[in-house]
């Protein structure tokens, strides 16, 4: 991120909406907003492959599920946050990742300008490709502030998306969904 350019842009935005960026309460706001966005969008410089590279051999081909992985992300349409939980289920192809690595994979993609549908698919594909999983199922439920704080203002509404990669049999998807309830 070009920090100085971003600071100038936030200062210009404040002026454009009728604020005085030099007044006491706003004087440091452009730098704070820039630093906040640098943190919230830090996934652009990160890689799921890096986090999923440490694996362990397993004999079992049973399903591994990590659920209730909390995340927050930024809607690329309105630059407003959305937040929720994700569950990742996969059928190992001989190797498993440490459980924290699944959460780190979610963070890699959540820390970018996103669409929930895209985020869900990116996580599924990363787990499938980097772990050599036979099949992956990812379920994501999130609340979007662009739905709750503006526009239709439907507080509490949630969006649910799921994505699969590889061979994750339909009957197994039903079993996983039942476990997640």
N, C-alpha and C. Protein backbone atom coordinates (compact mmCIF):
# COMPACT_ATOMS: atom_id res chain seq x y z
N UNK A 1 0.85 -1.17 0.00
CA UNK A 1 0.00 0.00 0.00
C UNK A 1 0.89 1.24 0.00
N UNK A 2 0.53 2.19 -0.81
CA UNK A 2 1.21 3.48 -0.83
C UNK A 2 0.57 4.33 0.27
N UNK A 3 1.17 4.31 1.45
CA UNK A 3 0.58 4.93 2.64
C UNK A 3 0.33 6.42 2.46
N UNK A 4 1.30 7.15 1.97
CA UNK A 4 1.14 8.61 1.81
C UNK A 4 0.02 8.94 0.82
N UNK A 5 -0.06 8.20 -0.23
CA UNK A 5 -1.12 8.42 -1.23
C UNK A 5 -2.50 8.13 -0.61
N UNK A 6 -2.58 7.05 0.17
CA UNK A 6 -3.85 6.71 0.83
C UNK A 6 -4.25 7.80 1.83
N UNK A 7 -3.29 8.32 2.58
CA UNK A 7 -3.59 9.39 3.54
C UNK A 7 -4.13 10.61 2.81
N UNK A 8 -3.50 10.97 1.70
CA UNK A 8 -4.00 12.11 0.90
C UNK A 8 -5.42 11.85 0.40
N UNK A 9 -5.69 10.62 -0.02
CA UNK A 9 -7.02 10.27 -0.54
C UNK A 9 -8.08 10.37 0.56
N UNK A 10 -7.77 9.92 1.75
CA UNK A 10 -8.74 10.01 2.85
C UNK A 10 -8.97 11.48 3.21
N UNK A 11 -7.91 12.25 3.23
CA UNK A 11 -8.04 13.69 3.50
C UNK A 11 -8.95 14.34 2.44
N UNK A 12 -8.74 13.99 1.18
CA UNK A 12 -9.56 14.53 0.09
C UNK A 12 -11.01 14.08 0.24
N UNK A 13 -11.22 12.82 0.62
CA UNK A 13 -12.58 12.31 0.83
C UNK A 13 -13.29 13.11 1.92
N UNK A 14 -12.59 13.35 3.03
CA UNK A 14 -13.20 14.13 4.11
C UNK A 14 -13.60 15.52 3.62
N UNK A 15 -12.76 16.15 2.83
CA UNK A 15 -13.09 17.46 2.26
C UNK A 15 -14.30 17.35 1.33
N UNK A 16 -14.33 16.30 0.52
CA UNK A 16 -15.42 16.12 -0.45
C UNK A 16 -16.78 15.94 0.20
N UNK A 17 -16.81 15.38 1.42
CA UNK A 17 -18.09 15.20 2.11
C UNK A 17 -18.40 16.37 3.04
N UNK A 18 -17.64 17.46 2.92
CA UNK A 18 -17.94 18.68 3.65
C UNK A 18 -17.27 18.81 5.01
N UNK A 19 -16.31 17.97 5.32
CA UNK A 19 -15.60 18.05 6.58
C UNK A 19 -14.32 18.85 6.41
N UNK A 20 -13.81 19.31 7.52
CA UNK A 20 -12.53 20.00 7.54
C UNK A 20 -11.49 19.03 8.08
N UNK A 21 -10.66 18.45 7.20
CA UNK A 21 -9.69 17.46 7.68
C UNK A 21 -8.62 18.04 8.61
N UNK A 22 -8.59 19.36 8.76
CA UNK A 22 -7.61 19.99 9.65
C UNK A 22 -8.17 20.26 11.04
N UNK A 23 -9.48 20.04 11.23
CA UNK A 23 -10.02 20.29 12.57
C UNK A 23 -9.49 19.24 13.55
N UNK A 24 -9.50 19.57 14.82
CA UNK A 24 -8.85 18.77 15.84
C UNK A 24 -9.27 17.29 15.80
N UNK A 25 -10.55 17.00 15.73
CA UNK A 25 -11.03 15.62 15.76
C UNK A 25 -10.68 14.80 14.53
N UNK A 26 -10.37 15.47 13.42
CA UNK A 26 -10.08 14.76 12.17
C UNK A 26 -8.62 14.83 11.75
N UNK A 27 -7.82 15.59 12.45
CA UNK A 27 -6.44 15.82 12.03
C UNK A 27 -5.65 14.53 11.78
N UNK A 28 -5.80 13.55 12.66
CA UNK A 28 -5.07 12.28 12.53
C UNK A 28 -5.90 11.17 11.87
N UNK A 29 -7.14 11.49 11.54
CA UNK A 29 -8.04 10.47 10.96
C UNK A 29 -7.51 9.89 9.65
N UNK A 30 -7.00 10.67 8.72
CA UNK A 30 -6.52 10.06 7.47
C UNK A 30 -5.44 8.98 7.70
N UNK A 31 -4.54 9.21 8.63
CA UNK A 31 -3.51 8.20 8.93
C UNK A 31 -4.14 6.99 9.61
N UNK A 32 -5.07 7.22 10.54
CA UNK A 32 -5.73 6.10 11.23
C UNK A 32 -6.53 5.25 10.25
N UNK A 33 -7.26 5.89 9.35
CA UNK A 33 -8.06 5.15 8.36
C UNK A 33 -7.14 4.37 7.44
N UNK A 34 -6.05 4.97 7.02
CA UNK A 34 -5.09 4.28 6.15
C UNK A 34 -4.51 3.05 6.85
N UNK A 35 -4.13 3.20 8.11
CA UNK A 35 -3.57 2.06 8.85
C UNK A 35 -4.62 0.97 9.06
N UNK A 36 -5.87 1.38 9.30
CA UNK A 36 -6.94 0.41 9.47
C UNK A 36 -7.13 -0.40 8.19
N UNK A 37 -7.19 0.27 7.05
CA UNK A 37 -7.37 -0.46 5.80
C UNK A 37 -6.16 -1.33 5.47
N UNK A 38 -4.97 -0.89 5.83
CA UNK A 38 -3.78 -1.73 5.61
C UNK A 38 -3.93 -3.03 6.38
N UNK A 39 -4.44 -2.96 7.60
CA UNK A 39 -4.65 -4.16 8.40
C UNK A 39 -5.78 -5.01 7.83
N UNK A 40 -6.91 -4.38 7.52
CA UNK A 40 -8.07 -5.12 7.03
C UNK A 40 -7.84 -5.78 5.67
N UNK A 41 -6.92 -5.24 4.90
CA UNK A 41 -6.64 -5.77 3.56
C UNK A 41 -5.28 -6.46 3.49
N UNK A 42 -4.76 -6.89 4.62
CA UNK A 42 -3.43 -7.49 4.67
C UNK A 42 -3.34 -8.85 3.99
N UNK A 43 -4.47 -9.45 3.64
CA UNK A 43 -4.45 -10.74 2.95
C UNK A 43 -3.91 -10.64 1.54
N UNK A 44 -3.87 -9.45 0.97
CA UNK A 44 -3.35 -9.29 -0.39
C UNK A 44 -1.89 -9.70 -0.48
N UNK A 45 -1.16 -9.59 0.60
CA UNK A 45 0.25 -9.96 0.57
C UNK A 45 0.53 -11.32 1.20
N UNK A 46 -0.53 -12.10 1.44
CA UNK A 46 -0.38 -13.39 2.11
C UNK A 46 -0.80 -14.51 1.17
N UNK A 47 -0.42 -15.72 1.51
CA UNK A 47 -0.69 -16.87 0.65
C UNK A 47 -1.22 -18.05 1.46
N UNK A 48 -2.32 -18.63 1.01
CA UNK A 48 -2.84 -19.83 1.67
C UNK A 48 -1.84 -20.98 1.55
N UNK A 49 -1.15 -21.05 0.44
CA UNK A 49 -0.17 -22.13 0.23
C UNK A 49 0.89 -22.12 1.33
N UNK A 50 1.30 -20.95 1.76
CA UNK A 50 2.30 -20.82 2.83
C UNK A 50 1.77 -21.46 4.12
N UNK A 51 0.52 -21.19 4.46
CA UNK A 51 -0.05 -21.70 5.70
C UNK A 51 -0.37 -23.19 5.61
N UNK A 52 -0.75 -23.65 4.45
CA UNK A 52 -1.15 -25.05 4.29
C UNK A 52 0.01 -25.96 3.90
N UNK A 53 1.22 -25.44 3.89
CA UNK A 53 2.37 -26.25 3.47
C UNK A 53 2.84 -27.22 4.56
N UNK A 54 2.54 -26.94 5.80
CA UNK A 54 2.92 -27.83 6.91
C UNK A 54 1.80 -28.85 7.09
N UNK A 55 2.05 -30.09 6.70
CA UNK A 55 1.03 -31.13 6.77
C UNK A 55 1.56 -32.36 7.49
N UNK A 56 0.64 -33.24 7.81
CA UNK A 56 0.96 -34.47 8.53
C UNK A 56 0.30 -35.64 7.82
N UNK A 57 1.01 -36.75 7.72
CA UNK A 57 0.46 -37.95 7.07
C UNK A 57 -0.63 -38.57 7.95
N UNK A 58 -1.68 -39.06 7.30
CA UNK A 58 -2.75 -39.79 7.99
C UNK A 58 -3.14 -41.00 7.16
N UNK A 59 -3.55 -42.04 7.84
CA UNK A 59 -4.02 -43.24 7.14
C UNK A 59 -5.51 -43.16 6.84
N UNK A 60 -6.23 -42.47 7.71
CA UNK A 60 -7.69 -42.40 7.61
C UNK A 60 -8.12 -41.48 6.48
N UNK A 61 -9.22 -41.83 5.86
CA UNK A 61 -9.82 -40.96 4.86
C UNK A 61 -11.12 -40.37 5.38
N UNK A 62 -11.26 -40.36 6.73
CA UNK A 62 -12.47 -39.81 7.34
C UNK A 62 -12.49 -38.30 7.20
N UNK A 63 -13.67 -37.74 7.30
CA UNK A 63 -13.84 -36.29 7.15
C UNK A 63 -13.25 -35.55 8.34
N UNK A 64 -12.54 -34.46 8.03
CA UNK A 64 -12.03 -33.53 9.03
C UNK A 64 -12.90 -32.28 8.93
N UNK A 65 -13.39 -31.82 10.08
CA UNK A 65 -14.23 -30.61 10.09
C UNK A 65 -13.67 -29.63 11.10
N UNK A 66 -13.46 -28.41 10.66
CA UNK A 66 -13.14 -27.30 11.56
C UNK A 66 -14.29 -26.31 11.39
N UNK A 67 -15.02 -26.03 12.47
CA UNK A 67 -16.20 -25.17 12.34
C UNK A 67 -16.08 -23.96 13.23
N UNK A 68 -17.00 -23.03 13.03
CA UNK A 68 -17.07 -21.79 13.81
C UNK A 68 -15.79 -20.98 13.72
N UNK A 69 -15.21 -20.93 12.53
CA UNK A 69 -14.04 -20.09 12.30
C UNK A 69 -14.56 -18.67 12.05
N UNK A 70 -14.41 -17.83 13.05
CA UNK A 70 -14.92 -16.45 12.94
C UNK A 70 -14.02 -15.64 12.00
N UNK A 71 -14.64 -14.75 11.25
CA UNK A 71 -13.88 -13.89 10.34
C UNK A 71 -14.62 -12.57 10.15
N UNK A 72 -13.88 -11.59 9.67
CA UNK A 72 -14.48 -10.35 9.17
C UNK A 72 -13.80 -10.04 7.85
N UNK A 73 -14.55 -9.43 6.96
CA UNK A 73 -14.01 -9.09 5.65
C UNK A 73 -14.62 -7.77 5.21
N UNK A 74 -14.20 -7.29 4.06
CA UNK A 74 -14.71 -6.03 3.52
C UNK A 74 -15.40 -6.27 2.18
N UNK A 75 -16.65 -5.86 2.11
CA UNK A 75 -17.42 -5.97 0.87
C UNK A 75 -16.78 -5.07 -0.20
N UNK A 76 -16.50 -5.67 -1.33
CA UNK A 76 -15.85 -4.88 -2.38
C UNK A 76 -16.81 -3.93 -3.08
N UNK A 77 -18.11 -4.09 -2.86
CA UNK A 77 -19.08 -3.19 -3.49
C UNK A 77 -19.27 -1.89 -2.73
N UNK A 78 -19.20 -1.95 -1.38
CA UNK A 78 -19.48 -0.76 -0.58
C UNK A 78 -18.35 -0.40 0.38
N UNK A 79 -17.30 -1.20 0.43
CA UNK A 79 -16.20 -1.01 1.38
C UNK A 79 -16.72 -0.99 2.81
N UNK A 80 -17.71 -1.86 3.07
CA UNK A 80 -18.26 -2.02 4.41
C UNK A 80 -17.97 -3.44 4.88
N UNK A 81 -17.85 -3.63 6.19
CA UNK A 81 -17.52 -4.96 6.68
C UNK A 81 -18.67 -5.95 6.59
N UNK A 82 -18.29 -7.21 6.46
CA UNK A 82 -19.21 -8.31 6.72
C UNK A 82 -18.45 -9.29 7.60
N UNK A 83 -19.19 -10.00 8.42
CA UNK A 83 -18.55 -10.87 9.39
C UNK A 83 -19.42 -12.08 9.66
N UNK A 84 -18.77 -13.15 10.04
CA UNK A 84 -19.52 -14.36 10.30
C UNK A 84 -18.62 -15.50 10.70
N UNK A 85 -19.10 -16.71 10.37
CA UNK A 85 -18.37 -17.93 10.71
C UNK A 85 -18.31 -18.84 9.50
N UNK A 86 -17.25 -19.60 9.44
CA UNK A 86 -17.05 -20.52 8.33
C UNK A 86 -16.76 -21.90 8.90
N UNK A 87 -17.20 -22.92 8.18
CA UNK A 87 -16.87 -24.31 8.51
C UNK A 87 -16.19 -24.91 7.29
N UNK A 88 -15.11 -25.63 7.53
CA UNK A 88 -14.37 -26.30 6.46
C UNK A 88 -14.38 -27.78 6.76
N UNK A 89 -14.87 -28.56 5.81
CA UNK A 89 -14.85 -30.02 5.92
C UNK A 89 -14.08 -30.55 4.73
N UNK A 90 -13.18 -31.50 4.98
CA UNK A 90 -12.45 -32.08 3.86
C UNK A 90 -12.16 -33.55 4.10
N UNK A 91 -12.03 -34.25 3.00
CA UNK A 91 -11.67 -35.66 3.02
C UNK A 91 -10.20 -35.72 2.64
N UNK A 92 -9.33 -36.08 3.60
CA UNK A 92 -7.89 -36.05 3.32
C UNK A 92 -7.50 -37.01 2.19
N UNK A 93 -6.51 -36.60 1.47
CA UNK A 93 -5.91 -37.45 0.45
C UNK A 93 -4.58 -37.99 0.95
N UNK A 94 -4.51 -38.30 2.24
CA UNK A 94 -3.28 -38.83 2.83
C UNK A 94 -2.56 -37.84 3.72
N UNK A 95 -2.94 -36.56 3.69
CA UNK A 95 -2.28 -35.53 4.50
C UNK A 95 -3.33 -34.62 5.11
N UNK A 96 -3.04 -34.13 6.31
CA UNK A 96 -3.90 -33.14 6.97
C UNK A 96 -3.05 -31.95 7.38
N UNK A 97 -3.70 -30.82 7.53
CA UNK A 97 -3.03 -29.61 8.01
C UNK A 97 -3.34 -29.43 9.48
N UNK A 98 -2.47 -28.69 10.17
CA UNK A 98 -2.79 -28.30 11.54
C UNK A 98 -4.07 -27.46 11.50
N UNK A 99 -4.90 -27.62 12.51
CA UNK A 99 -6.20 -26.96 12.49
C UNK A 99 -6.10 -25.44 12.42
N UNK A 100 -5.08 -24.88 13.06
CA UNK A 100 -4.93 -23.42 13.00
C UNK A 100 -4.65 -22.96 11.57
N UNK A 101 -4.08 -23.85 10.76
CA UNK A 101 -3.77 -23.47 9.38
C UNK A 101 -5.04 -23.27 8.56
N UNK A 102 -6.12 -23.97 8.92
CA UNK A 102 -7.39 -23.76 8.24
C UNK A 102 -7.93 -22.36 8.57
N UNK A 103 -7.83 -21.98 9.84
CA UNK A 103 -8.26 -20.63 10.24
C UNK A 103 -7.40 -19.57 9.57
N UNK A 104 -6.11 -19.82 9.46
CA UNK A 104 -5.23 -18.86 8.79
C UNK A 104 -5.57 -18.74 7.30
N UNK A 105 -5.99 -19.83 6.70
CA UNK A 105 -6.40 -19.80 5.30
C UNK A 105 -7.63 -18.93 5.12
N UNK A 106 -8.57 -19.04 6.04
CA UNK A 106 -9.76 -18.17 5.98
C UNK A 106 -9.31 -16.72 6.06
N UNK A 107 -8.38 -16.40 6.97
CA UNK A 107 -7.91 -15.03 7.13
C UNK A 107 -7.22 -14.50 5.87
N UNK A 108 -6.46 -15.34 5.19
CA UNK A 108 -5.78 -14.91 3.96
C UNK A 108 -6.78 -14.30 2.99
N UNK A 109 -7.90 -14.99 2.80
CA UNK A 109 -8.89 -14.52 1.82
C UNK A 109 -9.86 -13.52 2.39
N UNK A 110 -10.15 -13.59 3.70
CA UNK A 110 -11.07 -12.63 4.31
C UNK A 110 -10.44 -11.24 4.38
N UNK A 111 -9.13 -11.18 4.47
CA UNK A 111 -8.43 -9.90 4.59
C UNK A 111 -8.14 -9.29 3.22
N UNK A 112 -9.17 -9.31 2.39
CA UNK A 112 -9.10 -8.70 1.05
C UNK A 112 -10.47 -8.10 0.76
N UNK A 113 -10.54 -7.21 -0.20
CA UNK A 113 -11.87 -6.78 -0.67
C UNK A 113 -12.54 -8.01 -1.24
N UNK A 114 -13.77 -8.30 -0.81
CA UNK A 114 -14.36 -9.59 -1.11
C UNK A 114 -15.85 -9.54 -1.42
N UNK A 115 -16.28 -10.64 -1.99
CA UNK A 115 -17.68 -11.05 -2.05
C UNK A 115 -17.75 -12.34 -1.25
N UNK A 116 -18.81 -12.55 -0.49
CA UNK A 116 -18.89 -13.76 0.32
C UNK A 116 -18.82 -15.01 -0.54
N UNK A 117 -19.50 -14.99 -1.68
CA UNK A 117 -19.49 -16.15 -2.56
C UNK A 117 -18.08 -16.48 -3.03
N UNK A 118 -17.34 -15.46 -3.36
CA UNK A 118 -15.96 -15.63 -3.82
C UNK A 118 -15.06 -16.13 -2.69
N UNK A 119 -15.22 -15.56 -1.50
CA UNK A 119 -14.44 -15.96 -0.33
C UNK A 119 -14.64 -17.44 -0.04
N UNK A 120 -15.88 -17.90 -0.06
CA UNK A 120 -16.19 -19.30 0.22
C UNK A 120 -15.50 -20.21 -0.78
N UNK A 121 -15.59 -19.87 -2.06
CA UNK A 121 -14.97 -20.66 -3.11
C UNK A 121 -13.46 -20.66 -3.04
N UNK A 122 -12.86 -19.52 -2.71
CA UNK A 122 -11.40 -19.44 -2.62
C UNK A 122 -10.86 -20.32 -1.50
N UNK A 123 -11.55 -20.34 -0.38
CA UNK A 123 -11.11 -21.19 0.74
C UNK A 123 -11.21 -22.66 0.34
N UNK A 124 -12.34 -23.04 -0.27
CA UNK A 124 -12.51 -24.44 -0.70
C UNK A 124 -11.41 -24.85 -1.68
N UNK A 125 -11.14 -24.01 -2.64
CA UNK A 125 -10.13 -24.33 -3.66
C UNK A 125 -8.74 -24.41 -3.06
N UNK A 126 -8.42 -23.51 -2.13
CA UNK A 126 -7.10 -23.51 -1.50
C UNK A 126 -6.87 -24.79 -0.70
N UNK A 127 -7.88 -25.22 0.06
CA UNK A 127 -7.74 -26.45 0.84
C UNK A 127 -7.60 -27.64 -0.09
N UNK A 128 -8.41 -27.66 -1.13
CA UNK A 128 -8.37 -28.77 -2.09
C UNK A 128 -6.99 -28.87 -2.76
N UNK A 129 -6.51 -27.77 -3.27
CA UNK A 129 -5.25 -27.78 -4.03
C UNK A 129 -4.03 -27.98 -3.13
N UNK A 130 -3.99 -27.30 -2.01
CA UNK A 130 -2.78 -27.31 -1.19
C UNK A 130 -2.66 -28.53 -0.27
N UNK A 131 -3.78 -29.16 0.06
CA UNK A 131 -3.71 -30.35 0.90
C UNK A 131 -3.83 -31.64 0.10
N UNK A 132 -4.15 -31.52 -1.20
CA UNK A 132 -4.38 -32.72 -1.98
C UNK A 132 -5.58 -33.50 -1.46
N UNK A 133 -6.55 -32.77 -0.94
CA UNK A 133 -7.76 -33.39 -0.39
C UNK A 133 -8.54 -34.06 -1.51
N UNK A 134 -9.22 -35.13 -1.16
CA UNK A 134 -10.09 -35.80 -2.15
C UNK A 134 -11.34 -34.97 -2.41
N UNK A 135 -11.81 -34.29 -1.38
CA UNK A 135 -12.98 -33.44 -1.52
C UNK A 135 -13.04 -32.43 -0.40
N UNK A 136 -13.65 -31.28 -0.69
CA UNK A 136 -13.75 -30.19 0.28
C UNK A 136 -15.16 -29.61 0.22
N UNK A 137 -15.70 -29.28 1.38
CA UNK A 137 -16.99 -28.60 1.49
C UNK A 137 -16.80 -27.45 2.47
N UNK A 138 -17.14 -26.23 2.04
CA UNK A 138 -17.02 -25.05 2.90
C UNK A 138 -18.38 -24.39 3.00
N UNK A 139 -18.78 -24.09 4.23
CA UNK A 139 -20.05 -23.42 4.51
C UNK A 139 -19.74 -22.11 5.22
N UNK A 140 -20.35 -21.04 4.75
CA UNK A 140 -20.08 -19.71 5.29
C UNK A 140 -21.41 -19.01 5.58
N UNK A 141 -21.53 -18.44 6.78
CA UNK A 141 -22.70 -17.66 7.15
C UNK A 141 -22.21 -16.31 7.65
N UNK A 142 -22.73 -15.23 7.07
CA UNK A 142 -22.22 -13.91 7.43
C UNK A 142 -23.31 -12.86 7.41
N UNK A 143 -23.08 -11.83 8.22
CA UNK A 143 -23.94 -10.65 8.23
C UNK A 143 -23.19 -9.52 7.55
N UNK A 144 -23.88 -8.86 6.65
CA UNK A 144 -23.27 -7.80 5.84
C UNK A 144 -23.78 -6.45 6.30
N UNK A 145 -22.86 -5.58 6.71
CA UNK A 145 -23.30 -4.26 7.18
C UNK A 145 -23.84 -3.41 6.03
N UNK A 146 -23.52 -3.75 4.80
CA UNK A 146 -24.12 -3.02 3.68
C UNK A 146 -25.61 -3.36 3.56
N UNK A 147 -26.06 -4.44 4.20
CA UNK A 147 -27.49 -4.80 4.27
C UNK A 147 -28.13 -4.30 5.55
N UNK A 148 -27.34 -4.19 6.61
CA UNK A 148 -27.93 -3.89 7.92
C UNK A 148 -27.84 -2.42 8.30
N UNK A 149 -26.82 -1.71 7.84
CA UNK A 149 -26.61 -0.31 8.24
C UNK A 149 -27.04 0.70 7.19
N UNK A 150 -27.30 0.25 6.00
CA UNK A 150 -27.70 1.15 4.91
C UNK A 150 -28.71 0.42 4.04
N UNK A 151 -29.20 1.06 3.03
CA UNK A 151 -30.13 0.40 2.11
C UNK A 151 -31.37 -0.11 2.82
N UNK A 152 -31.62 -1.41 2.76
CA UNK A 152 -32.85 -1.98 3.33
C UNK A 152 -32.82 -2.09 4.85
N UNK A 153 -31.66 -1.98 5.47
CA UNK A 153 -31.49 -1.99 6.93
C UNK A 153 -32.19 -3.17 7.59
N UNK A 154 -31.83 -4.36 7.17
CA UNK A 154 -32.41 -5.59 7.71
C UNK A 154 -31.44 -6.21 8.71
N UNK A 155 -31.46 -5.67 9.94
CA UNK A 155 -30.56 -6.15 11.00
C UNK A 155 -30.82 -7.62 11.28
N UNK A 156 -29.74 -8.36 11.46
CA UNK A 156 -29.85 -9.77 11.79
C UNK A 156 -29.96 -10.69 10.59
N UNK A 157 -30.16 -10.14 9.39
CA UNK A 157 -30.23 -11.01 8.21
C UNK A 157 -28.84 -11.58 7.93
N UNK A 158 -28.82 -12.81 7.51
CA UNK A 158 -27.55 -13.50 7.24
C UNK A 158 -27.58 -14.07 5.83
N UNK A 159 -26.41 -14.14 5.24
CA UNK A 159 -26.24 -14.76 3.93
C UNK A 159 -25.46 -16.04 4.14
N UNK A 160 -25.94 -17.12 3.52
CA UNK A 160 -25.28 -18.42 3.64
C UNK A 160 -24.80 -18.83 2.25
N UNK A 161 -23.53 -19.21 2.17
CA UNK A 161 -22.96 -19.70 0.91
C UNK A 161 -22.21 -20.99 1.21
N UNK A 162 -22.10 -21.81 0.19
CA UNK A 162 -21.24 -22.99 0.32
C UNK A 162 -20.56 -23.24 -1.00
N UNK A 163 -19.44 -23.94 -0.91
CA UNK A 163 -18.67 -24.29 -2.09
C UNK A 163 -18.07 -25.67 -1.88
N UNK A 164 -17.93 -26.40 -2.96
CA UNK A 164 -17.28 -27.70 -2.91
C UNK A 164 -16.13 -27.71 -3.90
N UNK A 165 -15.20 -28.59 -3.66
CA UNK A 165 -14.09 -28.81 -4.59
C UNK A 165 -13.75 -30.29 -4.53
N UNK A 166 -13.39 -30.85 -5.66
CA UNK A 166 -13.06 -32.27 -5.71
C UNK A 166 -14.30 -33.12 -5.60
N UNK A 167 -14.13 -34.30 -5.02
CA UNK A 167 -15.23 -35.26 -4.90
C UNK A 167 -15.69 -35.32 -3.45
N UNK A 168 -16.70 -34.54 -3.13
CA UNK A 168 -17.30 -34.56 -1.80
C UNK A 168 -18.73 -35.03 -2.00
N UNK A 169 -19.01 -36.31 -1.73
CA UNK A 169 -20.31 -36.90 -2.05
C UNK A 169 -21.48 -36.19 -1.38
N UNK A 170 -22.59 -36.12 -2.10
CA UNK A 170 -23.78 -35.42 -1.62
C UNK A 170 -24.24 -35.92 -0.25
N UNK A 171 -24.21 -37.23 -0.04
CA UNK A 171 -24.66 -37.76 1.26
C UNK A 171 -23.74 -37.30 2.39
N UNK A 172 -22.48 -37.10 2.09
CA UNK A 172 -21.54 -36.60 3.10
C UNK A 172 -21.81 -35.12 3.38
N UNK A 173 -22.19 -34.35 2.35
CA UNK A 173 -22.56 -32.95 2.54
C UNK A 173 -23.74 -32.86 3.50
N UNK A 174 -24.73 -33.72 3.30
CA UNK A 174 -25.91 -33.73 4.19
C UNK A 174 -25.50 -34.05 5.62
N UNK A 175 -24.58 -35.01 5.80
CA UNK A 175 -24.11 -35.37 7.14
C UNK A 175 -23.37 -34.19 7.80
N UNK A 176 -22.54 -33.54 7.01
CA UNK A 176 -21.77 -32.41 7.56
C UNK A 176 -22.72 -31.28 7.95
N UNK A 177 -23.68 -30.95 7.11
CA UNK A 177 -24.64 -29.89 7.43
C UNK A 177 -25.40 -30.24 8.71
N UNK A 178 -25.79 -31.48 8.87
CA UNK A 178 -26.49 -31.90 10.09
C UNK A 178 -25.61 -31.73 11.32
N UNK A 179 -24.33 -32.01 11.20
CA UNK A 179 -23.39 -31.83 12.32
C UNK A 179 -23.20 -30.36 12.68
N UNK A 180 -23.31 -29.50 11.70
CA UNK A 180 -23.05 -28.08 11.92
C UNK A 180 -24.23 -27.34 12.55
N UNK A 181 -25.39 -27.96 12.56
CA UNK A 181 -26.58 -27.30 13.13
C UNK A 181 -26.52 -27.24 14.63
